[in-house]
């Protein structure tokens, strides 16, 4: 089963930027949908951005225009570039891999903390 490892979280001031990276143990191009989700304190996990194996993307309305999800072929990672960060973006960010067919799986990374505060 695929393993995912997130990195890049940290503390940033409002208006700042961070880049999260999700390293996969299997080729990201063999995974149907990879995504970033987040869970803020006291709130349910929500989708932030998705990218399909064909390259199509989808974003939560709250991050559209500020966050960009992309794939790095050489590093075999799915990255989330976060600009113009706001305090409400504070959350644990999780990477997800969803694969259909055989084998099928729905796997989560361990999460990385992002804190936006002055």
N, C-alpha and C. Protein backbone atom coordinates (compact mmCIF):
# COMPACT_ATOMS: atom_id res chain seq x y z
N UNK A 1 0.85 -1.19 0.00
CA UNK A 1 0.00 0.00 0.00
C UNK A 1 0.89 1.24 0.00
N UNK A 2 0.43 2.27 -0.67
CA UNK A 2 1.20 3.49 -0.79
C UNK A 2 1.38 4.15 0.57
N UNK A 3 2.51 4.79 0.76
CA UNK A 3 2.78 5.57 1.97
C UNK A 3 3.02 7.01 1.56
N UNK A 4 2.48 7.92 2.37
CA UNK A 4 2.58 9.35 2.09
C UNK A 4 3.27 10.05 3.25
N UNK A 5 4.15 10.97 2.93
CA UNK A 5 4.85 11.74 3.96
C UNK A 5 4.78 13.21 3.59
N UNK A 6 4.16 14.00 4.48
CA UNK A 6 4.05 15.44 4.25
C UNK A 6 5.22 16.17 4.89
N UNK A 7 5.53 17.33 4.33
CA UNK A 7 6.55 18.20 4.90
C UNK A 7 6.26 19.63 4.50
N UNK A 8 6.90 20.58 5.17
CA UNK A 8 6.79 21.97 4.78
C UNK A 8 5.93 22.85 5.66
N UNK A 9 5.30 22.27 6.67
CA UNK A 9 4.48 23.10 7.55
C UNK A 9 5.32 23.98 8.45
N UNK A 10 4.64 24.85 9.18
CA UNK A 10 5.37 25.73 10.08
C UNK A 10 4.53 26.92 10.49
N UNK A 11 5.22 27.90 11.07
CA UNK A 11 4.59 29.14 11.54
C UNK A 11 4.89 30.25 10.54
N UNK A 12 3.87 30.97 10.13
CA UNK A 12 4.04 32.06 9.17
C UNK A 12 3.13 33.21 9.56
N UNK A 13 3.54 34.41 9.24
CA UNK A 13 2.72 35.58 9.52
C UNK A 13 1.61 35.73 8.49
N UNK A 14 0.51 36.38 8.85
CA UNK A 14 -0.54 36.65 7.87
C UNK A 14 0.02 37.35 6.64
N UNK A 15 -0.44 36.90 5.47
CA UNK A 15 0.07 37.43 4.21
C UNK A 15 1.27 36.69 3.68
N UNK A 16 1.84 35.82 4.47
CA UNK A 16 3.02 35.06 4.06
C UNK A 16 2.68 33.85 3.22
N UNK A 17 3.72 33.09 2.88
CA UNK A 17 3.58 31.92 2.02
C UNK A 17 4.27 30.71 2.64
N UNK A 18 3.73 29.54 2.28
CA UNK A 18 4.35 28.27 2.63
C UNK A 18 4.13 27.32 1.47
N UNK A 19 5.03 26.34 1.36
CA UNK A 19 4.87 25.31 0.35
C UNK A 19 4.92 23.96 1.03
N UNK A 20 3.82 23.22 0.93
CA UNK A 20 3.75 21.87 1.47
C UNK A 20 4.09 20.86 0.39
N UNK A 21 4.70 19.75 0.80
CA UNK A 21 5.05 18.72 -0.14
C UNK A 21 4.60 17.36 0.39
N UNK A 22 4.09 16.52 -0.50
CA UNK A 22 3.64 15.19 -0.14
C UNK A 22 4.41 14.18 -0.99
N UNK A 23 5.27 13.42 -0.34
CA UNK A 23 6.06 12.41 -1.04
C UNK A 23 5.34 11.08 -1.00
N UNK A 24 5.24 10.44 -2.17
CA UNK A 24 4.54 9.17 -2.28
C UNK A 24 5.53 8.04 -2.54
N UNK A 25 5.22 6.86 -1.95
CA UNK A 25 6.08 5.71 -2.15
C UNK A 25 5.81 5.04 -3.50
N UNK A 26 4.69 5.42 -4.15
CA UNK A 26 4.39 4.93 -5.49
C UNK A 26 4.25 6.11 -6.44
N UNK A 27 4.36 5.84 -7.71
CA UNK A 27 4.27 6.91 -8.69
C UNK A 27 2.95 7.65 -8.56
N UNK A 28 3.04 8.96 -8.41
CA UNK A 28 1.82 9.77 -8.27
C UNK A 28 0.97 9.73 -9.53
N UNK A 29 1.56 9.34 -10.64
CA UNK A 29 0.82 9.30 -11.89
C UNK A 29 0.00 8.02 -12.03
N UNK A 30 0.21 7.09 -11.11
CA UNK A 30 -0.61 5.88 -11.06
C UNK A 30 -1.74 5.98 -10.05
N UNK A 31 -1.85 7.13 -9.41
CA UNK A 31 -2.89 7.37 -8.41
C UNK A 31 -3.95 8.26 -9.02
N UNK A 32 -5.21 7.85 -8.94
CA UNK A 32 -6.29 8.56 -9.65
C UNK A 32 -6.44 10.00 -9.16
N UNK A 33 -6.52 10.17 -7.85
CA UNK A 33 -6.69 11.52 -7.32
C UNK A 33 -5.80 11.68 -6.09
N UNK A 34 -5.03 12.76 -6.08
CA UNK A 34 -4.28 13.12 -4.89
C UNK A 34 -4.78 14.48 -4.42
N UNK A 35 -4.81 14.63 -3.10
CA UNK A 35 -5.38 15.85 -2.60
C UNK A 35 -4.77 16.30 -1.28
N UNK A 36 -5.04 17.55 -0.98
CA UNK A 36 -4.69 18.12 0.31
C UNK A 36 -5.98 18.46 1.04
N UNK A 37 -6.01 18.09 2.29
CA UNK A 37 -7.14 18.37 3.17
C UNK A 37 -6.59 19.05 4.42
N UNK A 38 -7.49 19.64 5.19
CA UNK A 38 -7.04 20.24 6.44
C UNK A 38 -8.10 20.09 7.52
N UNK A 39 -7.62 20.09 8.76
CA UNK A 39 -8.50 19.99 9.91
C UNK A 39 -8.10 21.06 10.90
N UNK A 40 -8.96 22.05 11.07
CA UNK A 40 -8.73 23.10 12.06
C UNK A 40 -9.26 22.63 13.42
N UNK A 41 -8.74 23.20 14.50
CA UNK A 41 -9.21 22.79 15.84
C UNK A 41 -10.72 22.91 15.95
N UNK A 42 -11.37 21.83 16.37
CA UNK A 42 -12.80 21.85 16.57
C UNK A 42 -13.63 21.76 15.30
N UNK A 43 -12.98 21.56 14.16
CA UNK A 43 -13.71 21.50 12.90
C UNK A 43 -13.43 20.18 12.19
N UNK A 44 -14.35 19.83 11.28
CA UNK A 44 -14.17 18.61 10.50
C UNK A 44 -13.11 18.83 9.43
N UNK A 45 -12.52 17.72 9.01
CA UNK A 45 -11.56 17.77 7.92
C UNK A 45 -12.26 18.23 6.65
N UNK A 46 -11.61 19.13 5.91
CA UNK A 46 -12.20 19.63 4.67
C UNK A 46 -11.20 19.56 3.53
N UNK A 47 -11.73 19.44 2.34
CA UNK A 47 -10.90 19.40 1.16
C UNK A 47 -10.32 20.79 0.89
N UNK A 48 -9.05 20.84 0.54
CA UNK A 48 -8.39 22.09 0.17
C UNK A 48 -8.16 22.15 -1.33
N UNK A 49 -7.53 21.11 -1.87
CA UNK A 49 -7.26 21.05 -3.30
C UNK A 49 -7.04 19.62 -3.74
N UNK A 50 -7.47 19.31 -4.98
CA UNK A 50 -7.33 17.98 -5.55
C UNK A 50 -6.66 18.09 -6.91
N UNK A 51 -5.93 17.04 -7.27
CA UNK A 51 -5.37 16.95 -8.62
C UNK A 51 -5.50 15.51 -9.10
N UNK A 52 -6.02 15.35 -10.30
CA UNK A 52 -6.21 14.01 -10.84
C UNK A 52 -4.96 13.55 -11.58
N UNK A 53 -4.95 12.27 -11.94
CA UNK A 53 -3.78 11.76 -12.67
C UNK A 53 -3.70 12.35 -14.07
N UNK A 54 -4.78 12.98 -14.51
CA UNK A 54 -4.76 13.66 -15.81
C UNK A 54 -4.39 15.13 -15.68
N UNK A 55 -4.23 15.58 -14.43
CA UNK A 55 -3.78 16.95 -14.21
C UNK A 55 -4.86 17.96 -13.92
N UNK A 56 -6.12 17.55 -13.91
CA UNK A 56 -7.18 18.50 -13.59
C UNK A 56 -7.18 18.79 -12.10
N UNK A 57 -7.54 20.01 -11.76
CA UNK A 57 -7.50 20.44 -10.36
C UNK A 57 -8.85 20.97 -9.89
N UNK A 58 -9.00 20.98 -8.59
CA UNK A 58 -10.22 21.49 -7.97
C UNK A 58 -9.83 22.06 -6.61
N UNK A 59 -10.43 23.20 -6.24
CA UNK A 59 -10.07 23.86 -4.99
C UNK A 59 -11.31 24.20 -4.17
N UNK A 60 -11.10 24.29 -2.87
CA UNK A 60 -12.13 24.83 -2.00
C UNK A 60 -12.28 26.31 -2.32
N UNK A 61 -13.49 26.79 -2.22
CA UNK A 61 -13.76 28.20 -2.55
C UNK A 61 -12.91 29.14 -1.70
N UNK A 62 -12.67 28.74 -0.45
CA UNK A 62 -11.97 29.61 0.49
C UNK A 62 -10.49 29.81 0.14
N UNK A 63 -9.93 28.93 -0.70
CA UNK A 63 -8.50 29.05 -1.03
C UNK A 63 -8.26 29.36 -2.50
N UNK A 64 -9.31 29.37 -3.28
CA UNK A 64 -9.15 29.63 -4.72
C UNK A 64 -8.46 30.96 -4.96
N UNK A 65 -7.46 30.94 -5.84
CA UNK A 65 -6.71 32.15 -6.14
C UNK A 65 -5.53 32.38 -5.22
N UNK A 66 -5.47 31.65 -4.11
CA UNK A 66 -4.36 31.80 -3.16
C UNK A 66 -3.50 30.54 -3.11
N UNK A 67 -4.12 29.38 -3.25
CA UNK A 67 -3.40 28.10 -3.16
C UNK A 67 -3.32 27.47 -4.55
N UNK A 68 -2.23 26.76 -4.79
CA UNK A 68 -2.05 26.03 -6.05
C UNK A 68 -1.51 24.64 -5.76
N UNK A 69 -2.19 23.63 -6.30
CA UNK A 69 -1.74 22.26 -6.16
C UNK A 69 -1.04 21.85 -7.45
N UNK A 70 0.08 21.13 -7.33
CA UNK A 70 0.84 20.76 -8.51
C UNK A 70 1.59 19.46 -8.25
N UNK A 71 2.12 18.90 -9.32
CA UNK A 71 2.88 17.65 -9.23
C UNK A 71 4.32 17.90 -9.69
N UNK A 72 5.25 17.27 -8.98
CA UNK A 72 6.66 17.34 -9.36
C UNK A 72 7.08 15.94 -9.82
N UNK A 73 7.28 15.79 -11.10
CA UNK A 73 7.57 14.47 -11.67
C UNK A 73 8.91 13.93 -11.18
N UNK A 74 9.89 14.80 -11.07
CA UNK A 74 11.23 14.33 -10.70
C UNK A 74 11.31 13.91 -9.23
N UNK A 75 10.56 14.61 -8.38
CA UNK A 75 10.57 14.29 -6.95
C UNK A 75 9.46 13.33 -6.57
N UNK A 76 8.52 13.09 -7.48
CA UNK A 76 7.36 12.25 -7.21
C UNK A 76 6.57 12.78 -6.00
N UNK A 77 6.31 14.07 -6.03
CA UNK A 77 5.56 14.71 -4.95
C UNK A 77 4.36 15.48 -5.50
N UNK A 78 3.40 15.69 -4.63
CA UNK A 78 2.28 16.59 -4.90
C UNK A 78 2.44 17.75 -3.92
N UNK A 79 2.53 18.94 -4.45
CA UNK A 79 2.84 20.11 -3.64
C UNK A 79 1.64 21.05 -3.53
N UNK A 80 1.61 21.79 -2.45
CA UNK A 80 0.57 22.80 -2.26
C UNK A 80 1.26 24.12 -1.94
N UNK A 81 1.23 25.02 -2.91
CA UNK A 81 1.77 26.36 -2.71
C UNK A 81 0.68 27.23 -2.11
N UNK A 82 0.96 27.78 -0.94
CA UNK A 82 -0.04 28.58 -0.22
C UNK A 82 0.46 30.01 -0.10
N UNK A 83 -0.25 30.93 -0.72
CA UNK A 83 0.10 32.35 -0.66
C UNK A 83 -0.97 33.13 0.06
N UNK A 84 -0.61 34.33 0.50
CA UNK A 84 -1.55 35.22 1.17
C UNK A 84 -2.27 34.49 2.30
N UNK A 85 -1.49 33.84 3.14
CA UNK A 85 -2.08 33.04 4.21
C UNK A 85 -2.79 33.90 5.24
N UNK A 86 -3.87 33.33 5.77
CA UNK A 86 -4.71 34.02 6.74
C UNK A 86 -4.79 33.21 8.02
N UNK A 87 -5.10 33.84 9.14
CA UNK A 87 -5.21 33.07 10.39
C UNK A 87 -6.18 31.89 10.28
N UNK A 88 -7.23 32.04 9.49
CA UNK A 88 -8.21 30.96 9.34
C UNK A 88 -7.68 29.78 8.53
N UNK A 89 -6.48 29.91 7.95
CA UNK A 89 -5.84 28.78 7.27
C UNK A 89 -5.10 27.88 8.26
N UNK A 90 -5.03 28.31 9.51
CA UNK A 90 -4.36 27.49 10.52
C UNK A 90 -5.05 26.16 10.68
N UNK A 91 -4.29 25.08 10.54
CA UNK A 91 -4.86 23.73 10.59
C UNK A 91 -3.74 22.70 10.45
N UNK A 92 -4.09 21.46 10.69
CA UNK A 92 -3.21 20.35 10.30
C UNK A 92 -3.58 19.99 8.87
N UNK A 93 -2.59 19.96 8.00
CA UNK A 93 -2.82 19.65 6.59
C UNK A 93 -2.41 18.22 6.30
N UNK A 94 -3.30 17.51 5.62
CA UNK A 94 -3.10 16.09 5.32
C UNK A 94 -3.07 15.86 3.82
N UNK A 95 -2.21 14.98 3.40
CA UNK A 95 -2.17 14.53 2.01
C UNK A 95 -2.99 13.24 1.89
N UNK A 96 -3.67 13.09 0.76
CA UNK A 96 -4.50 11.91 0.53
C UNK A 96 -4.24 11.33 -0.85
N UNK A 97 -4.26 10.01 -0.93
CA UNK A 97 -4.13 9.32 -2.21
C UNK A 97 -5.32 8.38 -2.39
N UNK A 98 -6.03 8.56 -3.51
CA UNK A 98 -7.21 7.74 -3.80
C UNK A 98 -6.99 7.04 -5.12
N UNK A 99 -6.98 5.69 -5.06
CA UNK A 99 -6.78 4.92 -6.29
C UNK A 99 -7.93 3.97 -6.50
N UNK A 100 -8.47 3.94 -7.72
CA UNK A 100 -9.53 3.02 -8.07
C UNK A 100 -8.93 1.78 -8.70
N UNK A 101 -9.76 0.77 -8.88
CA UNK A 101 -9.33 -0.43 -9.58
C UNK A 101 -8.56 -1.37 -8.68
N UNK A 102 -7.56 -2.02 -9.25
CA UNK A 102 -6.79 -3.01 -8.50
C UNK A 102 -5.30 -2.70 -8.57
N UNK A 103 -4.65 -2.40 -7.46
CA UNK A 103 -5.25 -2.29 -6.13
C UNK A 103 -5.95 -0.95 -5.93
N UNK A 104 -6.94 -0.97 -5.10
CA UNK A 104 -7.61 0.28 -4.74
C UNK A 104 -7.24 0.63 -3.31
N UNK A 105 -7.14 1.94 -3.04
CA UNK A 105 -6.85 2.37 -1.69
C UNK A 105 -7.22 3.82 -1.51
N UNK A 106 -7.35 4.18 -0.25
CA UNK A 106 -7.64 5.55 0.16
C UNK A 106 -6.75 5.79 1.38
N UNK A 107 -5.61 6.43 1.16
CA UNK A 107 -4.55 6.51 2.16
C UNK A 107 -4.30 7.96 2.56
N UNK A 108 -4.01 8.16 3.85
CA UNK A 108 -3.72 9.49 4.40
C UNK A 108 -2.29 9.55 4.91
N UNK A 109 -1.70 10.73 4.82
CA UNK A 109 -0.43 10.98 5.46
C UNK A 109 -0.64 11.30 6.93
N UNK A 110 0.46 11.57 7.63
CA UNK A 110 0.38 11.81 9.07
C UNK A 110 0.00 13.24 9.40
N UNK A 111 0.08 14.13 8.43
CA UNK A 111 -0.31 15.52 8.64
C UNK A 111 0.87 16.41 8.99
N UNK A 112 0.72 17.68 8.65
CA UNK A 112 1.74 18.69 8.99
C UNK A 112 1.03 19.96 9.45
N UNK A 113 1.52 20.54 10.52
CA UNK A 113 0.86 21.69 11.13
C UNK A 113 1.23 22.98 10.40
N UNK A 114 0.21 23.77 10.09
CA UNK A 114 0.40 25.11 9.54
C UNK A 114 -0.26 26.08 10.49
N UNK A 115 0.51 27.05 10.97
CA UNK A 115 0.00 28.06 11.89
C UNK A 115 0.26 29.43 11.30
N UNK A 116 -0.83 30.19 11.15
CA UNK A 116 -0.73 31.55 10.61
C UNK A 116 -1.06 32.51 11.74
N UNK A 117 -0.04 33.23 12.17
CA UNK A 117 -0.22 34.10 13.33
C UNK A 117 0.85 35.17 13.34
N UNK A 118 0.48 36.33 13.85
CA UNK A 118 1.46 37.41 13.99
C UNK A 118 2.08 37.39 15.38
